[in-house]
Amino acid sequence: RWLLRADTRHPILFDHQVDHVPGMALLEAARQ
């Protein structure tokens, strides 16, 4: 069990400003 770590400064997962966690970041969380 882990806590999702959403770094909004990440240049790929947060390529631009959003108000929620992008789907690709969730896929990466699943893979990790």
PDB file of all heavy atoms in Angstrom:
ATOM      1  N   ARG A   1       0.862  -1.193   0.000  1.00  0.00           N
ATOM      2  CA  ARG A   1       0.000   0.000   0.000  1.00  0.00           C
ATOM      3  C   ARG A   1       0.895   1.238   0.000  1.00  0.00           C
ATOM      4  O   ARG A   1       1.871   1.310   0.755  1.00  0.00           O
ATOM      5  CB  ARG A   1      -0.945   0.011   1.191  1.00  0.00           C
ATOM      6  CG  ARG A   1      -1.632   1.351   1.419  1.00  0.00           C
ATOM      7  CD  ARG A   1      -2.763   1.293   2.416  1.00  0.00           C
ATOM      8  NE  ARG A   1      -3.987   0.830   1.755  1.00  0.00           N
ATOM      9  CZ  ARG A   1      -5.212   1.004   2.262  1.00  0.00           C
ATOM     10  NH1 ARG A   1      -5.376   1.605   3.435  1.00  0.00           N
ATOM     11  NH2 ARG A   1      -6.272   0.570   1.618  1.00  0.00           N
ATOM     12  N   TRP A   2       0.562   2.191  -0.856  1.00  0.00           N
ATOM     13  CA  TRP A   2       1.353   3.403  -0.990  1.00  0.00           C
ATOM     14  C   TRP A   2       0.435   4.614  -1.070  1.00  0.00           C
ATOM     15  O   TRP A   2      -0.769   4.494  -1.299  1.00  0.00           O
ATOM     16  CB  TRP A   2       2.208   3.355  -2.270  1.00  0.00           C
ATOM     17  CG  TRP A   2       3.137   2.191  -2.334  1.00  0.00           C
ATOM     18  CD1 TRP A   2       4.427   2.128  -1.889  1.00  0.00           C
ATOM     19  CD2 TRP A   2       2.835   0.895  -2.872  1.00  0.00           C
ATOM     20  NE1 TRP A   2       4.949   0.890  -2.128  1.00  0.00           N
ATOM     21  CE2 TRP A   2       4.001   0.110  -2.728  1.00  0.00           C
ATOM     22  CE3 TRP A   2       1.692   0.327  -3.463  1.00  0.00           C
ATOM     23  CZ2 TRP A   2       4.056  -1.215  -3.163  1.00  0.00           C
ATOM     24  CZ3 TRP A   2       1.742  -0.991  -3.890  1.00  0.00           C
ATOM     25  CH2 TRP A   2       2.919  -1.744  -3.731  1.00  0.00           C
ATOM     26  N   LEU A   3       1.027   5.769  -0.884  1.00  0.00           N
ATOM     27  CA  LEU A   3       0.340   7.035  -1.086  1.00  0.00           C
ATOM     28  C   LEU A   3       0.767   7.591  -2.439  1.00  0.00           C
ATOM     29  O   LEU A   3       1.961   7.612  -2.762  1.00  0.00           O
ATOM     30  CB  LEU A   3       0.713   8.011   0.024  1.00  0.00           C
ATOM     31  CG  LEU A   3      -0.045   9.352   0.075  1.00  0.00           C
ATOM     32  CD1 LEU A   3      -1.510   9.119   0.416  1.00  0.00           C
ATOM     33  CD2 LEU A   3       0.614  10.278   1.089  1.00  0.00           C
ATOM     34  N   LEU A   4      -0.206   8.010  -3.238  1.00  0.00           N
ATOM     35  CA  LEU A   4       0.126   8.606  -4.527  1.00  0.00           C
ATOM     36  C   LEU A   4       0.931   9.889  -4.296  1.00  0.00           C
ATOM     37  O   LEU A   4       0.549  10.744  -3.499  1.00  0.00           O
ATOM     38  CB  LEU A   4      -1.150   8.924  -5.304  1.00  0.00           C
ATOM     39  CG  LEU A   4      -0.955   9.576  -6.681  1.00  0.00           C
ATOM     40  CD1 LEU A   4      -0.263   8.627  -7.643  1.00  0.00           C
ATOM     41  CD2 LEU A   4      -2.301  10.034  -7.240  1.00  0.00           C
ATOM     42  N   ARG A   5       2.028   9.995  -5.006  1.00  0.00           N
ATOM     43  CA  ARG A   5       2.922  11.156  -4.883  1.00  0.00           C
ATOM     44  C   ARG A   5       2.821  11.947  -6.192  1.00  0.00           C
ATOM     45  O   ARG A   5       3.396  11.566  -7.209  1.00  0.00           O
ATOM     46  CB  ARG A   5       4.345  10.677  -4.625  1.00  0.00           C
ATOM     47  CG  ARG A   5       5.380  11.773  -4.478  1.00  0.00           C
ATOM     48  CD  ARG A   5       6.735  11.160  -4.131  1.00  0.00           C
ATOM     49  NE  ARG A   5       7.727  12.201  -3.901  1.00  0.00           N
ATOM     50  CZ  ARG A   5       8.530  12.699  -4.841  1.00  0.00           C
ATOM     51  NH1 ARG A   5       8.462  12.230  -6.091  1.00  0.00           N
ATOM     52  NH2 ARG A   5       9.386  13.650  -4.549  1.00  0.00           N
ATOM     53  N   ALA A   6       2.090  13.040  -6.172  1.00  0.00           N
ATOM     54  CA  ALA A   6       1.824  13.815  -7.387  1.00  0.00           C
ATOM     55  C   ALA A   6       2.658  15.090  -7.362  1.00  0.00           C
ATOM     56  O   ALA A   6       2.307  16.069  -6.702  1.00  0.00           O
ATOM     57  CB  ALA A   6       0.333  14.152  -7.495  1.00  0.00           C
ATOM     58  N   ASP A   7       3.763  15.050  -8.085  1.00  0.00           N
ATOM     59  CA  ASP A   7       4.654  16.209  -8.157  1.00  0.00           C
ATOM     60  C   ASP A   7       4.222  17.065  -9.350  1.00  0.00           C
ATOM     61  O   ASP A   7       4.537  16.753 -10.497  1.00  0.00           O
ATOM     62  CB  ASP A   7       6.098  15.741  -8.322  1.00  0.00           C
ATOM     63  CG  ASP A   7       7.088  16.903  -8.312  1.00  0.00           C
ATOM     64  OD1 ASP A   7       6.651  18.061  -8.244  1.00  0.00           O
ATOM     65  OD2 ASP A   7       8.305  16.634  -8.389  1.00  0.00           O
ATOM     66  N   THR A   8       3.516  18.143  -9.078  1.00  0.00           N
ATOM     67  CA  THR A   8       2.988  18.983 -10.159  1.00  0.00           C
ATOM     68  C   THR A   8       4.083  19.736 -10.903  1.00  0.00           C
ATOM     69  O   THR A   8       3.810  20.377 -11.916  1.00  0.00           O
ATOM     70  CB  THR A   8       1.968  19.991  -9.604  1.00  0.00           C
ATOM     71  OG1 THR A   8       2.585  20.783  -8.582  1.00  0.00           O
ATOM     72  CG2 THR A   8       0.760  19.259  -9.026  1.00  0.00           C
ATOM     73  N   ARG A   9       5.324  19.634 -10.431  1.00  0.00           N
ATOM     74  CA  ARG A   9       6.456  20.251 -11.133  1.00  0.00           C
ATOM     75  C   ARG A   9       7.106  19.289 -12.122  1.00  0.00           C
ATOM     76  O   ARG A   9       8.032  19.677 -12.837  1.00  0.00           O
ATOM     77  CB  ARG A   9       7.506  20.730 -10.132  1.00  0.00           C
ATOM     78  CG  ARG A   9       6.999  21.758  -9.117  1.00  0.00           C
ATOM     79  CD  ARG A   9       8.002  21.935  -7.997  1.00  0.00           C
ATOM     80  NE  ARG A   9       8.239  20.664  -7.305  1.00  0.00           N
ATOM     81  CZ  ARG A   9       9.124  20.504  -6.325  1.00  0.00           C
ATOM     82  NH1 ARG A   9       9.853  21.522  -5.923  1.00  0.00           N
ATOM     83  NH2 ARG A   9       9.291  19.310  -5.757  1.00  0.00           N
ATOM     84  N   HIS A  10       6.637  18.046 -12.149  1.00  0.00           N
ATOM     85  CA  HIS A  10       7.262  17.061 -13.040  1.00  0.00           C
ATOM     86  C   HIS A  10       7.028  17.464 -14.493  1.00  0.00           C
ATOM     87  O   HIS A  10       5.881  17.687 -14.907  1.00  0.00           O
ATOM     88  CB  HIS A  10       6.682  15.666 -12.788  1.00  0.00           C
ATOM     89  CG  HIS A  10       7.497  14.570 -13.390  1.00  0.00           C
ATOM     90  ND1 HIS A  10       7.447  14.262 -14.731  1.00  0.00           N
ATOM     91  CD2 HIS A  10       8.403  13.719 -12.832  1.00  0.00           C
ATOM     92  CE1 HIS A  10       8.275  13.267 -14.976  1.00  0.00           C
ATOM     93  NE2 HIS A  10       8.868  12.918 -13.849  1.00  0.00           N
ATOM     94  N   PRO A  11       8.082  17.572 -15.292  1.00  0.00           N
ATOM     95  CA  PRO A  11       7.929  18.140 -16.641  1.00  0.00           C
ATOM     96  C   PRO A  11       7.232  17.236 -17.644  1.00  0.00           C
ATOM     97  O   PRO A  11       6.802  17.719 -18.698  1.00  0.00           O
ATOM     98  CB  PRO A  11       9.378  18.392 -17.073  1.00  0.00           C
ATOM     99  CG  PRO A  11      10.180  17.398 -16.290  1.00  0.00           C
ATOM    100  CD  PRO A  11       9.489  17.276 -14.975  1.00  0.00           C
ATOM    101  N   ILE A  12       7.079  15.951 -17.342  1.00  0.00           N
ATOM    102  CA  ILE A  12       6.423  15.040 -18.273  1.00  0.00           C
ATOM    103  C   ILE A  12       5.009  14.707 -17.791  1.00  0.00           C
ATOM    104  O   ILE A  12       4.025  14.920 -18.502  1.00  0.00           O
ATOM    105  CB  ILE A  12       7.232  13.737 -18.453  1.00  0.00           C
ATOM    106  CG1 ILE A  12       8.697  14.051 -18.731  1.00  0.00           C
ATOM    107  CG2 ILE A  12       6.616  12.896 -19.577  1.00  0.00           C
ATOM    108  CD1 ILE A  12       8.954  14.889 -19.949  1.00  0.00           C
ATOM    109  N   LEU A  13       4.898  14.210 -16.572  1.00  0.00           N
ATOM    110  CA  LEU A  13       3.581  13.824 -16.052  1.00  0.00           C
ATOM    111  C   LEU A  13       2.674  15.026 -15.876  1.00  0.00           C
ATOM    112  O   LEU A  13       1.445  14.917 -16.043  1.00  0.00           O
ATOM    113  CB  LEU A  13       3.749  13.089 -14.715  1.00  0.00           C
ATOM    114  CG  LEU A  13       4.448  11.732 -14.794  1.00  0.00           C
ATOM    115  CD1 LEU A  13       4.643  11.166 -13.398  1.00  0.00           C
ATOM    116  CD2 LEU A  13       3.659  10.763 -15.660  1.00  0.00           C
ATOM    117  N   PHE A  14       3.254  16.171 -15.543  1.00  0.00           N
ATOM    118  CA  PHE A  14       2.495  17.420 -15.441  1.00  0.00           C
ATOM    119  C   PHE A  14       3.089  18.402 -16.450  1.00  0.00           C
ATOM    120  O   PHE A  14       3.672  19.422 -16.088  1.00  0.00           O
ATOM    121  CB  PHE A  14       2.546  17.962 -14.014  1.00  0.00           C
ATOM    122  CG  PHE A  14       1.732  17.164 -13.038  1.00  0.00           C
ATOM    123  CD1 PHE A  14       2.256  16.024 -12.446  1.00  0.00           C
ATOM    124  CD2 PHE A  14       0.426  17.524 -12.713  1.00  0.00           C
ATOM    125  CE1 PHE A  14       1.517  15.269 -11.549  1.00  0.00           C
ATOM    126  CE2 PHE A  14      -0.334  16.779 -11.822  1.00  0.00           C
ATOM    127  CZ  PHE A  14       0.218  15.644 -11.233  1.00  0.00           C
ATOM    128  N   ASP A  15       2.918  18.056 -17.706  1.00  0.00           N
ATOM    129  CA  ASP A  15       3.467  18.855 -18.807  1.00  0.00           C
ATOM    130  C   ASP A  15       2.896  20.263 -18.826  1.00  0.00           C
ATOM    131  O   ASP A  15       3.534  21.198 -19.279  1.00  0.00           O
ATOM    132  CB  ASP A  15       3.162  18.112 -20.120  1.00  0.00           C
ATOM    133  CG  ASP A  15       3.393  18.943 -21.358  1.00  0.00           C
ATOM    134  OD1 ASP A  15       4.566  19.089 -21.749  1.00  0.00           O
ATOM    135  OD2 ASP A  15       2.408  19.453 -21.921  1.00  0.00           O
ATOM    136  N   HIS A  16       1.667  20.416 -18.331  1.00  0.00           N
ATOM    137  CA  HIS A  16       1.031  21.729 -18.244  1.00  0.00           C
ATOM    138  C   HIS A  16       0.142  21.743 -17.003  1.00  0.00           C
ATOM    139  O   HIS A  16      -0.108  20.696 -16.399  1.00  0.00           O
ATOM    140  CB  HIS A  16       0.209  22.039 -19.505  1.00  0.00           C
ATOM    141  CG  HIS A  16      -0.794  20.964 -19.825  1.00  0.00           C
ATOM    142  ND1 HIS A  16      -0.451  19.798 -20.491  1.00  0.00           N
ATOM    143  CD2 HIS A  16      -2.122  20.863 -19.568  1.00  0.00           C
ATOM    144  CE1 HIS A  16      -1.522  19.035 -20.633  1.00  0.00           C
ATOM    145  NE2 HIS A  16      -2.539  19.652 -20.079  1.00  0.00           N
ATOM    146  N   GLN A  17      -0.313  22.907 -16.634  1.00  0.00           N
ATOM    147  CA  GLN A  17      -1.078  23.052 -15.388  1.00  0.00           C
ATOM    148  C   GLN A  17      -2.447  22.405 -15.523  1.00  0.00           C
ATOM    149  O   GLN A  17      -3.176  22.639 -16.488  1.00  0.00           O
ATOM    150  CB  GLN A  17      -1.231  24.531 -15.032  1.00  0.00           C
ATOM    151  CG  GLN A  17      -1.861  24.757 -13.663  1.00  0.00           C
ATOM    152  CD  GLN A  17      -1.866  26.224 -13.270  1.00  0.00           C
ATOM    153  OE1 GLN A  17      -1.556  27.077 -14.069  1.00  0.00           O
ATOM    154  NE2 GLN A  17      -2.217  26.509 -12.026  1.00  0.00           N
ATOM    155  N   VAL A  18      -2.800  21.575 -14.545  1.00  0.00           N
ATOM    156  CA  VAL A  18      -4.102  20.918 -14.497  1.00  0.00           C
ATOM    157  C   VAL A  18      -4.618  20.970 -13.065  1.00  0.00           C
ATOM    158  O   VAL A  18      -3.858  21.242 -12.126  1.00  0.00           O
ATOM    159  CB  VAL A  18      -4.021  19.452 -14.975  1.00  0.00           C
ATOM    160  CG1 VAL A  18      -3.744  19.367 -16.473  1.00  0.00           C
ATOM    161  CG2 VAL A  18      -2.956  18.681 -14.200  1.00  0.00           C
ATOM    162  N   ASP A  19      -5.918  20.704 -12.885  1.00  0.00           N
ATOM    163  CA  ASP A  19      -6.493  20.766 -11.540  1.00  0.00           C
ATOM    164  C   ASP A  19      -6.780  19.376 -10.962  1.00  0.00           C
ATOM    165  O   ASP A  19      -7.477  19.242  -9.969  1.00  0.00           O
ATOM    166  CB  ASP A  19      -7.775  21.613 -11.547  1.00  0.00           C
ATOM    167  CG  ASP A  19      -8.855  21.043 -12.453  1.00  0.00           C
ATOM    168  OD1 ASP A  19      -8.891  19.821 -12.654  1.00  0.00           O
ATOM    169  OD2 ASP A  19      -9.681  21.832 -12.961  1.00  0.00           O
ATOM    170  N   HIS A  20      -6.234  18.331 -11.606  1.00  0.00           N
ATOM    171  CA  HIS A  20      -6.395  16.970 -11.107  1.00  0.00           C
ATOM    172  C   HIS A  20      -5.192  16.153 -11.570  1.00  0.00           C
ATOM    173  O   HIS A  20      -4.367  16.633 -12.349  1.00  0.00           O
ATOM    174  CB  HIS A  20      -7.701  16.353 -11.623  1.00  0.00           C
ATOM    175  CG  HIS A  20      -7.791  16.299 -13.124  1.00  0.00           C
ATOM    176  ND1 HIS A  20      -8.213  17.366 -13.881  1.00  0.00           N
ATOM    177  CD2 HIS A  20      -7.462  15.326 -14.011  1.00  0.00           C
ATOM    178  CE1 HIS A  20      -8.160  17.053 -15.168  1.00  0.00           C
ATOM    179  NE2 HIS A  20      -7.701  15.822 -15.275  1.00  0.00           N
ATOM    180  N   VAL A  21      -5.092  14.928 -11.092  1.00  0.00           N
ATOM    181  CA  VAL A  21      -3.975  14.070 -11.478  1.00  0.00           C
ATOM    182  C   VAL A  21      -4.247  13.508 -12.873  1.00  0.00           C
ATOM    183  O   VAL A  21      -5.285  12.889 -13.098  1.00  0.00           O
ATOM    184  CB  VAL A  21      -3.781  12.925 -10.474  1.00  0.00           C
ATOM    185  CG1 VAL A  21      -2.595  12.045 -10.882  1.00  0.00           C
ATOM    186  CG2 VAL A  21      -3.582  13.471  -9.061  1.00  0.00           C
ATOM    187  N   PRO A  22      -3.339  13.708 -13.829  1.00  0.00           N
ATOM    188  CA  PRO A  22      -3.567  13.198 -15.193  1.00  0.00           C
ATOM    189  C   PRO A  22      -3.621  11.668 -15.234  1.00  0.00           C
ATOM    190  O   PRO A  22      -3.012  10.974 -14.402  1.00  0.00           O
ATOM    191  CB  PRO A  22      -2.347  13.716 -15.966  1.00  0.00           C
ATOM    192  CG  PRO A  22      -1.824  14.854 -15.158  1.00  0.00           C
ATOM    193  CD  PRO A  22      -2.115  14.496 -13.728  1.00  0.00           C
ATOM    194  N   GLY A  23      -4.340  11.164 -16.223  1.00  0.00           N
ATOM    195  CA  GLY A  23      -4.470   9.723 -16.370  1.00  0.00           C
ATOM    196  C   GLY A  23      -3.140   9.016 -16.553  1.00  0.00           C
ATOM    197  O   GLY A  23      -2.932   7.911 -16.028  1.00  0.00           O
ATOM    198  N   MET A  24      -2.194   9.633 -17.293  1.00  0.00           N
ATOM    199  CA  MET A  24      -0.907   8.995 -17.501  1.00  0.00           C
ATOM    200  C   MET A  24      -0.127   8.882 -16.197  1.00  0.00           C
ATOM    201  O   MET A  24       0.646   7.942 -15.999  1.00  0.00           O
ATOM    202  CB  MET A  24      -0.085   9.746 -18.543  1.00  0.00           C
ATOM    203  CG  MET A  24      -0.564   9.561 -19.974  1.00  0.00           C
ATOM    204  SD  MET A  24      -0.601   7.824 -20.506  1.00  0.00           S
ATOM    205  CE  MET A  24       1.120   7.363 -20.314  1.00  0.00           C
ATOM    206  N   ALA A  25      -0.316   9.821 -15.268  1.00  0.00           N
ATOM    207  CA  ALA A  25       0.337   9.714 -13.959  1.00  0.00           C
ATOM    208  C   ALA A  25      -0.244   8.544 -13.169  1.00  0.00           C
ATOM    209  O   ALA A  25       0.475   7.858 -12.432  1.00  0.00           O
ATOM    210  CB  ALA A  25       0.179  11.020 -13.181  1.00  0.00           C
ATOM    211  N   LEU A  26      -1.543   8.295 -13.327  1.00  0.00           N
ATOM    212  CA  LEU A  26      -2.163   7.155 -12.654  1.00  0.00           C
ATOM    213  C   LEU A  26      -1.682   5.842 -13.260  1.00  0.00           C
ATOM    214  O   LEU A  26      -1.475   4.855 -12.536  1.00  0.00           O
ATOM    215  CB  LEU A  26      -3.687   7.270 -12.734  1.00  0.00           C
ATOM    216  CG  LEU A  26      -4.291   8.522 -12.094  1.00  0.00           C
ATOM    217  CD1 LEU A  26      -5.797   8.550 -12.283  1.00  0.00           C
ATOM    218  CD2 LEU A  26      -3.919   8.614 -10.619  1.00  0.00           C
ATOM    219  N   LEU A  27      -1.496   5.795 -14.579  1.00  0.00           N
ATOM    220  CA  LEU A  27      -0.940   4.601 -15.200  1.00  0.00           C
ATOM    221  C   LEU A  27       0.474   4.331 -14.677  1.00  0.00           C
ATOM    222  O   LEU A  27       0.851   3.180 -14.428  1.00  0.00           O
ATOM    223  CB  LEU A  27      -0.905   4.755 -16.720  1.00  0.00           C
ATOM    224  CG  LEU A  27      -2.239   4.707 -17.470  1.00  0.00           C
ATOM    225  CD1 LEU A  27      -1.995   4.861 -18.962  1.00  0.00           C
ATOM    226  CD2 LEU A  27      -2.977   3.405 -17.181  1.00  0.00           C
ATOM    227  N   GLU A  28       1.253   5.386 -14.524  1.00  0.00           N
ATOM    228  CA  GLU A  28       2.608   5.221 -13.993  1.00  0.00           C
ATOM    229  C   GLU A  28       2.561   4.730 -12.550  1.00  0.00           C
ATOM    230  O   GLU A  28       3.384   3.891 -12.148  1.00  0.00           O
ATOM    231  CB  GLU A  28       3.377   6.534 -14.083  1.00  0.00           C
ATOM    232  CG  GLU A  28       4.781   6.487 -13.509  1.00  0.00           C
ATOM    233  CD  GLU A  28       5.702   5.502 -14.208  1.00  0.00           C
ATOM    234  OE1 GLU A  28       5.424   5.108 -15.364  1.00  0.00           O
ATOM    235  OE2 GLU A  28       6.718   5.117 -13.598  1.00  0.00           O
ATOM    236  N   ALA A  29       1.611   5.224 -11.761  1.00  0.00           N
ATOM    237  CA  ALA A  29       1.457   4.741 -10.393  1.00  0.00           C
ATOM    238  C   ALA A  29       1.126   3.252 -10.387  1.00  0.00           C
ATOM    239  O   ALA A  29       1.654   2.484  -9.564  1.00  0.00           O
ATOM    240  CB  ALA A  29       0.374   5.535  -9.665  1.00  0.00           C
ATOM    241  N   ALA A  30       0.261   2.838 -11.307  1.00  0.00           N
ATOM    242  CA  ALA A  30      -0.095   1.413 -11.399  1.00  0.00           C
ATOM    243  C   ALA A  30       1.122   0.589 -11.785  1.00  0.00           C
ATOM    244  O   ALA A  30       1.372  -0.494 -11.225  1.00  0.00           O
ATOM    245  CB  ALA A  30      -1.224   1.228 -12.407  1.00  0.00           C
ATOM    246  N   ARG A  31       1.901   1.067 -12.741  1.00  0.00           N
ATOM    247  CA  ARG A  31       3.090   0.327 -13.167  1.00  0.00           C
ATOM    248  C   ARG A  31       4.109   0.223 -12.022  1.00  0.00           C
ATOM    249  O   ARG A  31       4.694  -0.829 -11.784  1.00  0.00           O
ATOM    250  CB  ARG A  31       3.708   1.011 -14.378  1.00  0.00           C
ATOM    251  CG  ARG A  31       4.858   0.187 -15.004  1.00  0.00           C
ATOM    252  CD  ARG A  31       6.207   0.821 -14.732  1.00  0.00           C
ATOM    253  NE  ARG A  31       6.343   2.088 -15.390  1.00  0.00           N
ATOM    254  CZ  ARG A  31       6.767   2.239 -16.647  1.00  0.00           C
ATOM    255  NH1 ARG A  31       7.105   1.193 -17.356  1.00  0.00           N
ATOM    256  NH2 ARG A  31       6.879   3.443 -17.156  1.00  0.00           N
ATOM    257  N   GLN A  32       4.323   1.333 -11.299  1.00  0.00           N
ATOM    258  CA  GLN A  32       5.282   1.298 -10.199  1.00  0.00           C
ATOM    259  C   GLN A  32       4.808   0.389  -9.068  1.00  0.00           C
ATOM    260  O   GLN A  32       5.611  -0.329  -8.456  1.00  0.00           O
ATOM    261  CB  GLN A  32       5.553   2.713  -9.696  1.00  0.00           C
ATOM    262  CG  GLN A  32       6.311   3.573 -10.704  1.00  0.00           C
ATOM    263  CD  GLN A  32       6.758   4.911 -10.140  1.00  0.00           C
ATOM    264  OE1 GLN A  32       6.766   5.123  -8.933  1.00  0.00           O
ATOM    265  NE2 GLN A  32       7.124   5.832 -11.019  1.00  0.00           N
TER     266      GLN A  32
END
